């Protein structure tokens, strides 16, 4: 079985690092950590993560409905 890829969108470096470390301890693969909603759109297309974790304030940069447009089905 392969590790589920997760994209983390968090602008605070220390928090993002802690999230990544904890997810990896649980057996997940963190494909990327991005700092902005706009950058996340590009990374979703490039890495095709199974799950995207986004800090709620960053979600306001781009309408959340638009994320699903870019997210592969």
N, C-alpha and C. Protein backbone atom coordinates (compact mmCIF):
# COMPACT_ATOMS: atom_id res chain seq x y z
N UNK A 1 0.85 -1.19 0.00
CA UNK A 1 0.00 0.00 0.00
C UNK A 1 0.89 1.24 0.00
N UNK A 2 0.51 2.24 -0.76
CA UNK A 2 1.29 3.45 -0.86
C UNK A 2 0.74 4.53 0.08
N UNK A 3 1.61 5.44 0.47
CA UNK A 3 1.20 6.53 1.37
C UNK A 3 0.33 7.52 0.62
N UNK A 4 -0.71 7.97 1.27
CA UNK A 4 -1.59 8.98 0.70
C UNK A 4 -0.84 10.32 0.66
N UNK A 5 -0.86 10.99 -0.49
CA UNK A 5 -0.19 12.28 -0.65
C UNK A 5 -1.10 13.40 -0.17
N UNK A 6 -0.52 14.29 0.64
CA UNK A 6 -1.27 15.42 1.18
C UNK A 6 -0.55 16.71 0.83
N UNK A 7 -1.29 17.68 0.38
CA UNK A 7 -0.76 19.03 0.14
C UNK A 7 -1.19 19.89 1.31
N UNK A 8 -0.22 20.52 1.97
CA UNK A 8 -0.50 21.40 3.11
C UNK A 8 -0.34 22.84 2.66
N UNK A 9 -1.36 23.65 2.91
CA UNK A 9 -1.32 25.07 2.57
C UNK A 9 -1.36 25.85 3.88
N UNK A 10 -0.20 26.37 4.25
CA UNK A 10 -0.05 27.06 5.53
C UNK A 10 1.05 28.11 5.38
N UNK A 11 0.78 29.32 5.79
CA UNK A 11 1.77 30.39 5.62
C UNK A 11 2.74 30.54 6.79
N UNK A 12 2.49 29.88 7.90
CA UNK A 12 3.42 29.93 9.03
C UNK A 12 4.35 28.71 8.96
N UNK A 13 5.63 28.98 8.74
CA UNK A 13 6.61 27.92 8.47
C UNK A 13 6.70 26.89 9.59
N UNK A 14 6.74 27.33 10.84
CA UNK A 14 6.88 26.39 11.96
C UNK A 14 5.65 25.50 12.08
N UNK A 15 4.48 26.08 11.96
CA UNK A 15 3.24 25.30 12.01
C UNK A 15 3.18 24.31 10.86
N UNK A 16 3.54 24.76 9.67
CA UNK A 16 3.53 23.87 8.50
C UNK A 16 4.49 22.70 8.71
N UNK A 17 5.66 22.98 9.27
CA UNK A 17 6.64 21.93 9.54
C UNK A 17 6.11 20.92 10.56
N UNK A 18 5.44 21.40 11.59
CA UNK A 18 4.86 20.52 12.60
C UNK A 18 3.75 19.65 12.01
N UNK A 19 2.93 20.24 11.17
CA UNK A 19 1.85 19.48 10.51
C UNK A 19 2.47 18.37 9.66
N UNK A 20 3.48 18.73 8.87
CA UNK A 20 4.15 17.75 8.01
C UNK A 20 4.74 16.61 8.83
N UNK A 21 5.45 16.95 9.89
CA UNK A 21 6.08 15.95 10.74
C UNK A 21 5.05 14.99 11.33
N UNK A 22 3.94 15.54 11.83
CA UNK A 22 2.90 14.70 12.44
C UNK A 22 2.21 13.82 11.41
N UNK A 23 1.96 14.35 10.24
CA UNK A 23 1.34 13.53 9.18
C UNK A 23 2.26 12.39 8.76
N UNK A 24 3.56 12.68 8.66
CA UNK A 24 4.51 11.64 8.29
C UNK A 24 4.60 10.55 9.36
N UNK A 25 4.50 10.93 10.63
CA UNK A 25 4.49 9.94 11.71
C UNK A 25 3.29 9.01 11.58
N UNK A 26 2.20 9.53 11.02
CA UNK A 26 0.98 8.73 10.84
C UNK A 26 1.01 7.92 9.54
N UNK A 27 2.10 8.04 8.78
CA UNK A 27 2.25 7.24 7.57
C UNK A 27 1.85 7.93 6.28
N UNK A 28 1.56 9.22 6.34
CA UNK A 28 1.18 9.96 5.14
C UNK A 28 2.40 10.59 4.49
N UNK A 29 2.28 10.87 3.21
CA UNK A 29 3.33 11.56 2.48
C UNK A 29 2.86 12.98 2.20
N UNK A 30 3.60 13.97 2.66
CA UNK A 30 3.26 15.37 2.39
C UNK A 30 3.97 15.76 1.11
N UNK A 31 3.20 15.89 0.03
CA UNK A 31 3.80 16.14 -1.28
C UNK A 31 4.40 17.53 -1.37
N UNK A 32 3.77 18.50 -0.76
CA UNK A 32 4.24 19.89 -0.81
C UNK A 32 3.69 20.65 0.39
N UNK A 33 4.36 21.75 0.70
CA UNK A 33 3.82 22.75 1.61
C UNK A 33 3.87 24.06 0.84
N UNK A 34 2.74 24.70 0.69
CA UNK A 34 2.69 25.98 -0.01
C UNK A 34 2.23 27.07 0.95
N UNK A 35 2.51 28.31 0.57
CA UNK A 35 2.23 29.44 1.46
C UNK A 35 1.04 30.27 1.02
N UNK A 36 0.47 29.99 -0.15
CA UNK A 36 -0.63 30.82 -0.63
C UNK A 36 -1.65 29.98 -1.39
N UNK A 37 -2.86 30.51 -1.45
CA UNK A 37 -3.92 29.83 -2.19
C UNK A 37 -3.63 29.76 -3.67
N UNK A 38 -3.07 30.83 -4.21
CA UNK A 38 -2.76 30.84 -5.65
C UNK A 38 -1.68 29.83 -5.99
N UNK A 39 -0.67 29.72 -5.15
CA UNK A 39 0.39 28.74 -5.36
C UNK A 39 -0.18 27.32 -5.24
N UNK A 40 -1.16 27.16 -4.38
CA UNK A 40 -1.78 25.85 -4.18
C UNK A 40 -2.43 25.32 -5.46
N UNK A 41 -3.04 26.21 -6.22
CA UNK A 41 -3.68 25.80 -7.48
C UNK A 41 -2.66 25.13 -8.39
N UNK A 42 -1.48 25.74 -8.51
CA UNK A 42 -0.42 25.18 -9.35
C UNK A 42 0.05 23.84 -8.79
N UNK A 43 0.26 23.78 -7.48
CA UNK A 43 0.76 22.56 -6.86
C UNK A 43 -0.24 21.41 -6.94
N UNK A 44 -1.52 21.72 -6.87
CA UNK A 44 -2.54 20.67 -7.02
C UNK A 44 -2.43 20.03 -8.40
N UNK A 45 -2.27 20.86 -9.41
CA UNK A 45 -2.15 20.35 -10.78
C UNK A 45 -0.86 19.55 -10.97
N UNK A 46 0.20 19.96 -10.31
CA UNK A 46 1.50 19.29 -10.46
C UNK A 46 1.61 17.99 -9.68
N UNK A 47 1.11 17.97 -8.45
CA UNK A 47 1.36 16.83 -7.57
C UNK A 47 0.18 15.87 -7.42
N UNK A 48 -1.01 16.28 -7.80
CA UNK A 48 -2.21 15.44 -7.71
C UNK A 48 -2.36 14.80 -6.33
N UNK A 49 -2.45 15.61 -5.27
CA UNK A 49 -2.56 15.05 -3.92
C UNK A 49 -3.91 14.37 -3.70
N UNK A 50 -3.93 13.46 -2.73
CA UNK A 50 -5.18 12.81 -2.36
C UNK A 50 -6.03 13.71 -1.47
N UNK A 51 -5.36 14.60 -0.74
CA UNK A 51 -6.04 15.48 0.20
C UNK A 51 -5.31 16.82 0.25
N UNK A 52 -6.07 17.90 0.39
CA UNK A 52 -5.50 19.24 0.53
C UNK A 52 -5.95 19.80 1.88
N UNK A 53 -4.97 20.14 2.74
CA UNK A 53 -5.26 20.80 4.01
C UNK A 53 -4.93 22.27 3.85
N UNK A 54 -5.91 23.12 4.07
CA UNK A 54 -5.69 24.55 3.85
C UNK A 54 -6.10 25.34 5.09
N UNK A 55 -5.24 26.27 5.45
CA UNK A 55 -5.53 27.19 6.55
C UNK A 55 -6.68 28.09 6.10
N UNK A 56 -7.70 28.21 6.91
CA UNK A 56 -8.95 28.87 6.52
C UNK A 56 -8.76 30.30 6.01
N UNK A 57 -7.85 31.05 6.58
CA UNK A 57 -7.63 32.43 6.11
C UNK A 57 -7.05 32.45 4.71
N UNK A 58 -6.23 31.48 4.38
CA UNK A 58 -5.67 31.41 3.04
C UNK A 58 -6.72 31.00 2.02
N UNK A 59 -7.73 30.28 2.46
CA UNK A 59 -8.78 29.85 1.54
C UNK A 59 -9.54 31.04 0.98
N UNK A 60 -9.51 32.15 1.67
CA UNK A 60 -10.23 33.34 1.21
C UNK A 60 -9.56 34.00 0.02
N UNK A 61 -8.28 33.67 -0.23
CA UNK A 61 -7.58 34.25 -1.38
C UNK A 61 -8.28 33.90 -2.69
N UNK A 62 -8.78 32.68 -2.75
CA UNK A 62 -9.47 32.19 -3.94
C UNK A 62 -10.74 31.50 -3.47
N UNK A 63 -11.84 31.76 -4.13
CA UNK A 63 -13.11 31.15 -3.77
C UNK A 63 -12.94 29.63 -3.68
N UNK A 64 -13.35 29.03 -2.57
CA UNK A 64 -13.14 27.60 -2.35
C UNK A 64 -13.77 26.75 -3.44
N UNK A 65 -14.82 27.21 -4.06
CA UNK A 65 -15.42 26.47 -5.17
C UNK A 65 -14.48 26.34 -6.34
N UNK A 66 -13.59 27.31 -6.49
CA UNK A 66 -12.63 27.26 -7.59
C UNK A 66 -11.55 26.20 -7.36
N UNK A 67 -11.26 25.85 -6.09
CA UNK A 67 -10.28 24.81 -5.84
C UNK A 67 -10.74 23.51 -6.45
N UNK A 68 -12.00 23.21 -6.34
CA UNK A 68 -12.50 21.95 -6.88
C UNK A 68 -12.39 21.90 -8.40
N UNK A 69 -12.40 23.07 -9.05
CA UNK A 69 -12.22 23.12 -10.50
C UNK A 69 -10.83 22.63 -10.88
N UNK A 70 -9.83 22.95 -10.07
CA UNK A 70 -8.46 22.59 -10.36
C UNK A 70 -8.07 21.24 -9.81
N UNK A 71 -8.82 20.75 -8.87
CA UNK A 71 -8.49 19.49 -8.22
C UNK A 71 -8.89 18.32 -9.14
N UNK A 72 -7.94 17.43 -9.43
CA UNK A 72 -8.25 16.30 -10.33
C UNK A 72 -9.28 15.36 -9.72
N UNK A 73 -10.16 14.88 -10.51
CA UNK A 73 -11.21 13.97 -10.06
C UNK A 73 -10.81 12.53 -10.26
